[in-house]
């Protein structure tokens, strides 16, 4: 399996595993554009829950963590599943900070 398809499978499996215990989690996989999200759109009593829990994109064969509103270290989970640390980009961080973070994996 080529790296792009391997990363697609890893991302989809990871998000599916994350959402298994949450019946209200909505998985949104746009494979044509390589955008993968876990959304919540529900009511808990009188309180509306709406928002993105996680968004991962695959851009130029790298996995970009665009959003993470959980306490999970997505990068660590992806590395355990076989993603090269150099192929994980913290898209939610500014480019100057991302350069410093990449050095920590080396």
C-alpha atoms as a PDB file:
ATOM      1  CA  UNK A   1       0.000   0.000   0.000  1.00  0.00           C
ATOM      2  CA  UNK A   2       1.403   3.403  -0.892  1.00  0.00           C
ATOM      3  CA  UNK A   3       1.968   5.944   1.859  1.00  0.00           C
ATOM      4  CA  UNK A   4      -1.016   8.163   0.981  1.00  0.00           C
ATOM      5  CA  UNK A   5      -3.482   5.268   1.157  1.00  0.00           C
ATOM      6  CA  UNK A   6      -1.779   3.953   4.301  1.00  0.00           C
ATOM      7  CA  UNK A   7      -2.161   7.378   5.968  1.00  0.00           C
ATOM      8  CA  UNK A   8      -5.790   7.601   4.867  1.00  0.00           C
ATOM      9  CA  UNK A   9      -6.491   4.255   6.500  1.00  0.00           C
ATOM     10  CA  UNK A  10      -4.627   5.198   9.687  1.00  0.00           C
ATOM     11  CA  UNK A  11      -6.521   8.502   9.980  1.00  0.00           C
ATOM     12  CA  UNK A  12      -9.915   6.911   9.342  1.00  0.00           C
ATOM     13  CA  UNK A  13      -9.248   4.036  11.757  1.00  0.00           C
ATOM     14  CA  UNK A  14      -8.011   6.445  14.440  1.00  0.00           C
ATOM     15  CA  UNK A  15     -11.069   8.691  14.180  1.00  0.00           C
ATOM     16  CA  UNK A  16     -13.421   5.698  14.097  1.00  0.00           C
ATOM     17  CA  UNK A  17     -11.776   4.294  17.230  1.00  0.00           C
ATOM     18  CA  UNK A  18     -12.016   7.696  18.920  1.00  0.00           C
ATOM     19  CA  UNK A  19     -15.731   7.972  18.183  1.00  0.00           C
ATOM     20  CA  UNK A  20     -16.728   4.382  19.111  1.00  0.00           C
ATOM     21  CA  UNK A  21     -17.841   5.309  22.616  1.00  0.00           C
ATOM     22  CA  UNK A  22     -19.799   8.370  21.526  1.00  0.00           C
ATOM     23  CA  UNK A  23     -23.027   7.502  19.704  1.00  0.00           C
ATOM     24  CA  UNK A  24     -23.527  11.169  18.820  1.00  0.00           C
ATOM     25  CA  UNK A  25     -20.144  11.679  17.176  1.00  0.00           C
ATOM     26  CA  UNK A  26     -20.419  12.392  13.476  1.00  0.00           C
ATOM     27  CA  UNK A  27     -17.572  11.204  11.291  1.00  0.00           C
ATOM     28  CA  UNK A  28     -17.063  13.279   8.179  1.00  0.00           C
ATOM     29  CA  UNK A  29     -14.564  11.832   5.736  1.00  0.00           C
ATOM     30  CA  UNK A  30     -13.928  13.718   2.483  1.00  0.00           C
ATOM     31  CA  UNK A  31     -11.440  11.380   0.852  1.00  0.00           C
ATOM     32  CA  UNK A  32     -11.394  13.309  -2.435  1.00  0.00           C
ATOM     33  CA  UNK A  33     -10.029  16.366  -0.589  1.00  0.00           C
ATOM     34  CA  UNK A  34      -8.368  14.400   2.249  1.00  0.00           C
ATOM     35  CA  UNK A  35     -10.274  16.127   5.062  1.00  0.00           C
ATOM     36  CA  UNK A  36     -11.364  14.090   8.081  1.00  0.00           C
ATOM     37  CA  UNK A  37     -13.461  15.424  10.969  1.00  0.00           C
ATOM     38  CA  UNK A  38     -15.273  14.345  14.092  1.00  0.00           C
ATOM     39  CA  UNK A  39     -18.214  16.660  14.757  1.00  0.00           C
ATOM     40  CA  UNK A  40     -20.819  16.933  17.478  1.00  0.00           C
ATOM     41  CA  UNK A  41     -24.326  18.210  16.821  1.00  0.00           C
ATOM     42  CA  UNK A  42     -26.667  17.300  19.638  1.00  0.00           C
ATOM     43  CA  UNK A  43     -28.604  18.419  22.683  1.00  0.00           C
ATOM     44  CA  UNK A  44     -27.880  17.413  26.283  1.00  0.00           C
ATOM     45  CA  UNK A  45     -30.947  18.457  28.193  1.00  0.00           C
ATOM     46  CA  UNK A  46     -31.290  22.167  27.408  1.00  0.00           C
ATOM     47  CA  UNK A  47     -27.674  22.619  26.348  1.00  0.00           C
ATOM     48  CA  UNK A  48     -26.666  22.459  22.694  1.00  0.00           C
ATOM     49  CA  UNK A  49     -23.410  20.730  21.830  1.00  0.00           C
ATOM     50  CA  UNK A  50     -22.074  21.728  18.433  1.00  0.00           C
ATOM     51  CA  UNK A  51     -18.553  21.791  17.142  1.00  0.00           C
ATOM     52  CA  UNK A  52     -15.567  20.031  15.755  1.00  0.00           C
ATOM     53  CA  UNK A  53     -13.724  17.704  18.131  1.00  0.00           C
ATOM     54  CA  UNK A  54     -10.920  16.904  15.683  1.00  0.00           C
ATOM     55  CA  UNK A  55      -9.923  17.770  12.152  1.00  0.00           C
ATOM     56  CA  UNK A  56      -7.112  16.027  10.318  1.00  0.00           C
ATOM     57  CA  UNK A  57      -6.111  16.799   6.732  1.00  0.00           C
ATOM     58  CA  UNK A  58      -3.649  15.028   4.496  1.00  0.00           C
ATOM     59  CA  UNK A  59      -1.675  17.570   2.505  1.00  0.00           C
ATOM     60  CA  UNK A  60       1.221  16.511   0.269  1.00  0.00           C
ATOM     61  CA  UNK A  61       1.474  13.100   2.005  1.00  0.00           C
ATOM     62  CA  UNK A  62       1.651  14.639   5.475  1.00  0.00           C
ATOM     63  CA  UNK A  63      -1.017  14.529   8.159  1.00  0.00           C
ATOM     64  CA  UNK A  64      -1.981  17.996   9.341  1.00  0.00           C
ATOM     65  CA  UNK A  65      -3.624  18.256  12.753  1.00  0.00           C
ATOM     66  CA  UNK A  66      -5.869  21.236  12.065  1.00  0.00           C
ATOM     67  CA  UNK A  67      -7.953  21.120  15.236  1.00  0.00           C
ATOM     68  CA  UNK A  68      -8.038  19.172  18.485  1.00  0.00           C
ATOM     69  CA  UNK A  69     -10.511  20.069  21.216  1.00  0.00           C
ATOM     70  CA  UNK A  70      -9.834  16.854  23.139  1.00  0.00           C
ATOM     71  CA  UNK A  71      -7.240  15.847  25.705  1.00  0.00           C
ATOM     72  CA  UNK A  72      -5.787  13.247  23.352  1.00  0.00           C
ATOM     73  CA  UNK A  73      -2.270  13.682  21.991  1.00  0.00           C
ATOM     74  CA  UNK A  74      -3.155  12.980  18.381  1.00  0.00           C
ATOM     75  CA  UNK A  75       0.457  13.026  17.209  1.00  0.00           C
ATOM     76  CA  UNK A  76       1.434  10.294  19.679  1.00  0.00           C
ATOM     77  CA  UNK A  77      -1.542   8.165  18.649  1.00  0.00           C
ATOM     78  CA  UNK A  78      -0.640   8.518  14.965  1.00  0.00           C
ATOM     79  CA  UNK A  79       3.012   7.649  15.594  1.00  0.00           C
ATOM     80  CA  UNK A  80       1.949   4.494  17.465  1.00  0.00           C
ATOM     81  CA  UNK A  81      -0.109   3.556  14.414  1.00  0.00           C
ATOM     82  CA  UNK A  82       2.873   3.866  12.074  1.00  0.00           C
ATOM     83  CA  UNK A  83       2.952   7.502  10.927  1.00  0.00           C
ATOM     84  CA  UNK A  84       6.434   8.962  10.614  1.00  0.00           C
ATOM     85  CA  UNK A  85       6.886  11.885  13.049  1.00  0.00           C
ATOM     86  CA  UNK A  86       8.220  13.994  10.179  1.00  0.00           C
ATOM     87  CA  UNK A  87       4.874  13.537   8.410  1.00  0.00           C
ATOM     88  CA  UNK A  88       2.825  15.091  11.235  1.00  0.00           C
ATOM     89  CA  UNK A  89       2.220  18.825  10.995  1.00  0.00           C
ATOM     90  CA  UNK A  90       0.594  20.923  13.720  1.00  0.00           C
ATOM     91  CA  UNK A  91      -1.577  23.020  11.426  1.00  0.00           C
ATOM     92  CA  UNK A  92      -3.153  24.838  14.358  1.00  0.00           C
ATOM     93  CA  UNK A  93       0.248  26.321  15.287  1.00  0.00           C
ATOM     94  CA  UNK A  94       1.933  29.232  13.531  1.00  0.00           C
ATOM     95  CA  UNK A  95       4.677  28.323  11.031  1.00  0.00           C
ATOM     96  CA  UNK A  96       7.412  29.676  13.335  1.00  0.00           C
ATOM     97  CA  UNK A  97       6.238  27.482  16.222  1.00  0.00           C
ATOM     98  CA  UNK A  98       5.829  24.442  13.935  1.00  0.00           C
ATOM     99  CA  UNK A  99       9.556  24.622  13.059  1.00  0.00           C
ATOM    100  CA  UNK A 100      10.444  24.305  16.740  1.00  0.00           C
ATOM    101  CA  UNK A 101       8.038  21.411  17.293  1.00  0.00           C
ATOM    102  CA  UNK A 102       9.400  19.361  14.388  1.00  0.00           C
ATOM    103  CA  UNK A 103      12.881  19.555  15.896  1.00  0.00           C
ATOM    104  CA  UNK A 104      11.609  17.801  19.026  1.00  0.00           C
ATOM    105  CA  UNK A 105      10.883  14.614  17.070  1.00  0.00           C
ATOM    106  CA  UNK A 106      14.334  14.341  15.553  1.00  0.00           C
END
